[in-house]
Protein backbone atom coordinates (compact mmCIF):
# COMPACT_ATOMS: atom_id res chain seq x y z
CA UNK A 1 -51.28 136.21 -1.35
CA UNK A 2 -53.81 139.00 -1.42
CA UNK A 3 -57.17 138.60 -3.15
CA UNK A 4 -56.43 140.31 -6.46
CA UNK A 5 -58.98 141.34 -9.05
CA UNK A 6 -57.44 139.08 -11.69
CA UNK A 7 -57.50 136.02 -9.46
CA UNK A 8 -61.01 136.67 -8.15
CA UNK A 9 -62.51 137.29 -11.60
CA UNK A 10 -60.83 134.25 -13.18
CA UNK A 11 -62.10 132.08 -10.34
CA UNK A 12 -65.60 133.51 -10.70
CA UNK A 13 -65.96 133.57 -14.49
CA UNK A 14 -63.49 130.91 -15.57
CA UNK A 15 -61.30 133.09 -17.81
CA UNK A 16 -59.31 136.31 -18.00
CA UNK A 17 -61.53 139.38 -17.51
CA UNK A 18 -60.86 142.86 -18.89
CA UNK A 19 -62.72 146.08 -18.17
CA UNK A 20 -64.06 148.03 -21.13
CA UNK A 21 -64.12 151.69 -20.06
CA UNK A 22 -67.28 153.33 -21.36
CA UNK A 23 -68.86 156.76 -20.99
CA UNK A 24 -72.49 157.62 -20.41
CA UNK A 25 -71.85 161.29 -21.13
CA UNK A 26 -72.88 162.45 -17.66
CA UNK A 27 -71.53 165.16 -15.41
CA UNK A 28 -71.28 165.51 -11.62
CA UNK A 29 -73.01 167.59 -8.93
CA UNK A 30 -69.64 169.15 -8.06
CA UNK A 31 -69.41 170.44 -11.64
CA UNK A 32 -72.91 171.42 -12.77
CA UNK A 33 -73.46 173.97 -10.02
CA UNK A 34 -75.44 171.75 -7.64
CA UNK A 35 -72.51 171.44 -5.22
CA UNK A 36 -69.88 173.39 -7.14
CA UNK A 37 -68.40 173.97 -10.56
CA UNK A 38 -64.74 172.91 -10.23
CA UNK A 39 -65.15 169.24 -9.32
CA UNK A 40 -63.06 167.53 -6.67
CA UNK A 41 -59.70 169.21 -6.16
CA UNK A 42 -57.76 166.34 -7.75
CA UNK A 43 -60.19 165.51 -10.56
CA UNK A 44 -59.20 166.19 -14.16
CA UNK A 45 -61.41 167.84 -16.76
CA UNK A 46 -62.27 164.34 -17.98
CA UNK A 47 -63.76 163.38 -14.63
CA UNK A 48 -61.19 160.67 -13.90
CA UNK A 49 -62.07 159.04 -17.20
CA UNK A 50 -58.84 159.55 -19.13
CA UNK A 51 -59.14 156.11 -20.66
CA UNK A 52 -62.90 156.06 -21.21
CA UNK A 53 -64.49 156.14 -24.64
CA UNK A 54 -65.89 159.29 -26.19
CA UNK A 55 -69.31 160.02 -24.64
CA UNK A 56 -70.85 160.91 -27.99
CA UNK A 57 -70.39 157.39 -29.29
CA UNK A 58 -73.16 154.80 -29.20
CA UNK A 59 -72.56 152.23 -26.42
CA UNK A 60 -72.31 149.40 -28.95
CA UNK A 61 -69.66 151.38 -30.84
CA UNK A 62 -67.84 152.17 -27.60
CA UNK A 63 -67.69 148.47 -26.73
CA UNK A 64 -66.43 147.58 -30.19
CA UNK A 65 -63.70 150.22 -30.07
CA UNK A 66 -62.69 149.34 -26.51
CA UNK A 67 -62.29 145.70 -27.49
CA UNK A 68 -60.11 146.68 -30.44
CA UNK A 69 -57.72 148.52 -28.13
CA UNK A 70 -56.97 145.36 -26.15
CA UNK A 71 -57.49 142.75 -28.87
CA UNK A 72 -53.76 141.98 -28.96
CA UNK A 73 -53.85 140.66 -25.39
CA UNK A 74 -57.48 139.69 -24.78
CA UNK A 75 -57.46 136.23 -26.34
CA UNK A 76 -60.45 134.12 -25.24
CA UNK A 77 -61.26 136.76 -22.63
CA UNK A 78 -64.53 138.17 -21.41
CA UNK A 79 -65.35 141.66 -20.25
CA UNK A 80 -66.88 143.96 -17.67
CA UNK A 81 -68.75 146.98 -19.04
CA UNK A 82 -67.29 149.76 -16.92
CA UNK A 83 -68.90 153.21 -16.82
CA UNK A 84 -65.96 155.14 -15.43
CA UNK A 85 -65.95 158.90 -15.95
CA UNK A 86 -67.81 161.48 -13.85
CA UNK A 87 -70.94 160.25 -11.97
CA UNK A 88 -72.68 157.45 -13.81
CA UNK A 89 -76.00 157.46 -11.98
CA UNK A 90 -76.42 161.23 -12.25
CA UNK A 91 -79.29 161.03 -14.72
CA UNK A 92 -82.95 159.94 -14.79
CA UNK A 93 -83.65 156.22 -14.84
CA UNK A 94 -85.18 156.69 -18.29
CA UNK A 95 -81.71 157.56 -19.56
CA UNK A 96 -79.78 155.04 -17.48
CA UNK A 97 -81.87 151.98 -18.34
CA UNK A 98 -81.09 151.85 -22.09
CA UNK A 99 -77.41 152.67 -21.48
CA UNK A 100 -76.84 149.92 -18.96
CA UNK A 101 -79.08 147.40 -20.72
CA UNK A 102 -77.29 147.89 -24.02
CA UNK A 103 -73.90 147.60 -22.34
CA UNK A 104 -74.71 144.23 -20.78
CA UNK A 105 -76.41 142.70 -23.81
CA UNK A 106 -73.36 141.06 -25.50
CA UNK A 107 -72.72 137.49 -24.40
CA UNK A 108 -69.05 138.18 -23.66
CA UNK A 109 -69.93 140.96 -21.21
CA UNK A 110 -70.12 139.15 -17.87
CA UNK A 111 -70.83 142.07 -15.52
CA UNK A 112 -71.64 145.77 -15.25
CA UNK A 113 -69.54 148.16 -13.16
CA UNK A 114 -70.85 151.65 -12.46
CA UNK A 115 -68.68 154.36 -10.88
CA UNK A 116 -70.75 156.94 -9.02
CA UNK A 117 -71.23 159.00 -5.86
CA UNK A 118 -73.15 157.80 -2.79
CA UNK A 119 -75.30 160.94 -2.91
CA UNK A 120 -76.44 160.09 -6.46
CA UNK A 121 -78.25 156.84 -5.75
CA UNK A 122 -81.98 157.53 -5.40
CA UNK A 123 -84.34 154.62 -4.81
CA UNK A 124 -85.38 154.25 -8.45
CA UNK A 125 -81.75 153.99 -9.56
CA UNK A 126 -80.97 151.31 -6.98
CA UNK A 127 -84.11 149.47 -8.10
CA UNK A 128 -82.86 149.57 -11.70
CA UNK A 129 -79.42 148.29 -10.68
CA UNK A 130 -81.08 145.52 -8.67
CA UNK A 131 -83.13 144.49 -11.71
CA UNK A 132 -80.04 144.37 -13.90
CA UNK A 133 -78.26 142.39 -11.21
CA UNK A 134 -80.74 139.56 -11.74
CA UNK A 135 -79.30 139.00 -15.22
CA UNK A 136 -75.61 139.78 -14.78
CA UNK A 137 -73.61 140.89 -11.72
CA UNK A 138 -73.62 144.63 -11.02
CA UNK A 139 -70.77 146.32 -9.18
CA UNK A 140 -71.22 149.87 -7.88
CA UNK A 141 -67.98 151.78 -7.33
CA UNK A 142 -68.13 154.58 -4.78
CA UNK A 143 -65.48 157.29 -4.50
CA UNK A 144 -65.01 157.66 -0.75
CA UNK A 145 -61.29 158.62 -0.82
CA UNK A 146 -61.12 159.19 2.97
CA UNK A 147 -63.25 158.93 6.11
CA UNK A 148 -61.85 162.16 7.56
CA UNK A 149 -64.19 165.12 7.25
CA UNK A 150 -61.39 167.70 7.26
CA UNK A 151 -59.83 166.05 4.21
CA UNK A 152 -63.22 165.55 2.57
CA UNK A 153 -63.88 169.28 2.80
CA UNK A 154 -60.42 170.09 1.48
CA UNK A 155 -60.84 167.88 -1.60
CA UNK A 156 -64.42 169.18 -2.10
CA UNK A 157 -65.99 165.72 -1.96
CA UNK A 158 -69.39 167.24 -1.31
CA UNK A 159 -71.00 164.70 1.03
CA UNK A 160 -70.55 163.54 4.61
CA UNK A 161 -69.64 160.07 5.84
CA UNK A 162 -73.17 159.20 6.92
CA UNK A 163 -74.31 159.61 3.29
CA UNK A 164 -71.74 157.02 2.24
CA UNK A 165 -72.79 154.65 5.02
CA UNK A 166 -76.45 154.89 4.04
CA UNK A 167 -75.65 154.25 0.37
CA UNK A 168 -73.60 151.16 1.18
CA UNK A 169 -76.39 149.84 3.40
CA UNK A 170 -79.03 150.35 0.70
CA UNK A 171 -76.88 148.78 -2.01
CA UNK A 172 -76.15 145.75 0.16
CA UNK A 173 -79.85 145.38 0.97
CA UNK A 174 -80.53 145.33 -2.79
CA UNK A 175 -77.93 142.59 -3.29
CA UNK A 176 -75.51 144.81 -5.21
CA UNK A 177 -71.76 144.44 -4.75
CA UNK A 178 -69.90 147.52 -3.50
CA UNK A 179 -66.38 148.56 -4.47
CA UNK A 180 -64.85 151.59 -2.74
CA UNK A 181 -62.12 153.93 -3.98
CA UNK A 182 -59.66 155.47 -1.54
CA UNK A 183 -56.70 157.75 -2.26
CA UNK A 184 -53.38 157.19 -0.51
CA UNK A 185 -51.25 160.29 -0.01
CA UNK A 186 -53.89 163.00 0.22
CA UNK A 187 -52.44 166.31 1.44
CA UNK A 188 -52.21 166.72 5.23
CA UNK A 189 -53.20 163.11 5.99
CA UNK A 190 -50.89 161.07 8.21
CA UNK A 191 -50.23 157.37 7.73
CA UNK A 192 -52.48 156.60 10.67
CA UNK A 193 -55.33 158.54 9.05
CA UNK A 194 -54.95 156.39 5.94
CA UNK A 195 -55.06 153.22 8.04
CA UNK A 196 -58.14 154.56 9.86
CA UNK A 197 -59.94 154.71 6.51
CA UNK A 198 -58.91 151.16 5.62
CA UNK A 199 -59.88 149.79 9.05
CA UNK A 200 -63.26 151.47 8.72
CA UNK A 201 -63.86 149.81 5.35
CA UNK A 202 -62.63 146.47 6.66
CA UNK A 203 -65.34 146.57 9.32
CA UNK A 204 -67.97 147.41 6.68
CA UNK A 205 -67.10 144.23 4.78
CA UNK A 206 -67.27 145.81 1.36
CA UNK A 207 -66.85 143.49 -1.63
CA UNK A 208 -63.90 145.25 -3.21
CA UNK A 209 -61.53 148.17 -2.93
CA UNK A 210 -59.40 150.33 -5.19
CA UNK A 211 -56.24 151.66 -3.55
CA UNK A 212 -55.24 154.72 -5.55
CA UNK A 213 -52.03 156.73 -5.41
CA UNK A 214 -52.62 160.48 -5.36
CA UNK A 215 -51.75 161.95 -8.75
CA UNK A 216 -51.29 165.64 -9.47
CA UNK A 217 -52.70 166.35 -12.92
CA UNK A 218 -52.41 169.45 -15.04
CA UNK A 219 -55.47 171.69 -14.99
CA UNK A 220 -56.62 170.71 -11.50
CA UNK A 221 -56.78 172.95 -8.45
CA UNK A 222 -54.57 170.41 -6.68
CA UNK A 223 -51.86 171.13 -9.26
CA UNK A 224 -51.84 174.83 -8.31
CA UNK A 225 -51.39 174.00 -4.63
CA UNK A 226 -48.61 171.54 -5.45
CA UNK A 227 -46.79 174.14 -7.56
CA UNK A 228 -47.00 176.51 -4.58
CA UNK A 229 -45.24 173.91 -2.41
CA UNK A 230 -48.16 173.43 -0.03
CA UNK A 231 -47.71 169.66 0.29
CA UNK A 232 -45.34 166.83 -0.60
CA UNK A 233 -46.04 163.58 -2.40
CA UNK A 234 -45.06 160.05 -1.45
CA UNK A 235 -41.96 158.35 -2.81
CA UNK A 236 -42.49 154.96 -4.44
CA UNK A 237 -40.89 153.13 -1.49
CA UNK A 238 -43.06 154.95 1.04
CA UNK A 239 -46.19 154.38 -1.02
CA UNK A 240 -45.50 150.64 -1.19
CA UNK A 241 -44.83 150.54 2.57
CA UNK A 242 -48.25 152.09 3.21
CA UNK A 243 -49.89 149.93 0.56
CA UNK A 244 -48.54 146.77 2.16
CA UNK A 245 -49.98 147.75 5.53
CA UNK A 246 -53.34 148.60 3.94
CA UNK A 247 -53.54 145.19 2.28
CA UNK A 248 -52.74 143.45 5.56
CA UNK A 249 -55.59 145.29 7.29
CA UNK A 250 -58.24 144.14 4.84
CA UNK A 251 -60.20 140.92 5.31
CA UNK A 252 -58.97 138.15 2.96
CA UNK A 253 -62.29 138.05 1.11
CA UNK A 254 -62.06 141.71 0.02
CA UNK A 255 -61.14 141.82 -3.67
CA UNK A 256 -58.41 144.36 -4.43
CA UNK A 257 -59.31 145.86 -7.80
CA UNK A 258 -56.38 148.28 -7.93
CA UNK A 259 -53.04 148.76 -6.20
CA UNK A 260 -51.98 152.09 -7.63
CA UNK A 261 -53.68 153.48 -10.75
CA UNK A 262 -52.23 155.78 -13.36
CA UNK A 263 -53.18 159.09 -14.93
CA UNK A 264 -52.69 160.19 -18.52
CA UNK A 265 -48.95 160.78 -18.94
CA UNK A 266 -49.45 163.99 -20.88
CA UNK A 267 -51.28 165.51 -17.89
CA UNK A 268 -49.18 164.03 -15.08
CA UNK A 269 -47.22 166.57 -13.06
CA UNK A 270 -46.25 164.32 -10.15
CA UNK A 271 -45.23 161.86 -8.87
CA UNK A 272 -43.31 161.11 -12.06
CA UNK A 273 -42.22 157.69 -10.83
CA UNK A 274 -45.83 156.56 -11.20
CA UNK A 275 -45.66 156.98 -14.99
CA UNK A 276 -43.60 153.79 -15.27
CA UNK A 277 -46.52 151.53 -14.39
CA UNK A 278 -44.73 148.31 -15.26
CA UNK A 279 -41.87 149.11 -12.88
CA UNK A 280 -44.27 150.15 -10.12
CA UNK A 281 -46.31 146.94 -10.36
CA UNK A 282 -43.19 144.78 -10.57
CA UNK A 283 -41.77 146.47 -7.47
CA UNK A 284 -45.06 145.99 -5.59
CA UNK A 285 -45.21 142.32 -6.56
CA UNK A 286 -41.60 141.75 -5.57
CA UNK A 287 -42.10 143.42 -2.17
CA UNK A 288 -45.32 141.53 -1.50
CA UNK A 289 -43.67 138.19 -2.30
CA UNK A 290 -40.66 138.98 -0.12
CA UNK A 291 -42.91 139.95 2.80
CA UNK A 292 -45.50 137.22 2.25
CA UNK A 293 -48.34 139.74 2.16
CA UNK A 294 -51.61 138.16 3.18
CA UNK A 295 -54.71 140.19 3.98
CA UNK A 296 -55.73 140.40 7.63
CA UNK A 297 -52.44 139.01 8.95
CA UNK A 298 -51.07 141.95 10.97
CA UNK A 299 -53.64 144.47 12.12
CA UNK A 300 -56.66 143.62 14.18
CA UNK A 301 -59.77 145.44 12.98
CA UNK A 302 -61.33 146.98 16.07
């Protein structure tokens, strides 16, 4: 079967691993006026951190509260401190160092995961991440979404592909593991365009990937375009068809951290089938078992 996050983390750390979603209270260059003020077209007001802790809380308090939320299922587990919302390296090193150091201090925190943008990784930040990586593993999550410049402009990503490539190269040189987010079902992208993005990442030999279904959330500019009928969304069957092909493209060593994702139900406009996460995951698992999905088994990466 495919190299899932759960399997990879249990093999690496010897137990079940949960992510504790934390907030550093940062913003983003597409929101503070540097590159724009509205964020990416699909991004909610919470900066894709619907499940992150309140940014005003002390990191130690955030960790405590995050553990309480999953205490009913996290027996004998360990954790990854996950800075999720907005851009978590968009601050001076003097601010980042105490945040990240405090987050990784508890013995049951086995790793640090930092979601950010490739254009927000200056040398001093990568040096800090490299230093932290000497104590506990550091994962940097980069929101690429697509390799196609026309789509990147449409979603207001705010950087070109060469910026992403340079960031990945510098992170790898510093010994830091790279996880990349892509969105499946972006408006005006064909299936082949999606597979182009996955083939590109397969050649880059990234450490992990998050395959994310496009959600339309209330309050986003994407929601306005959807309400105007400018694009259609994928059905669950079609999404799983594409997802299966994406997984087959990837090298077997690439850890798949996410197969779909979910937005806050109160903000979700579409696709409504995605709100039943248990059913979606069960359907994916059933399909993958029926089709014997193994990474790298169909498409040649050329």
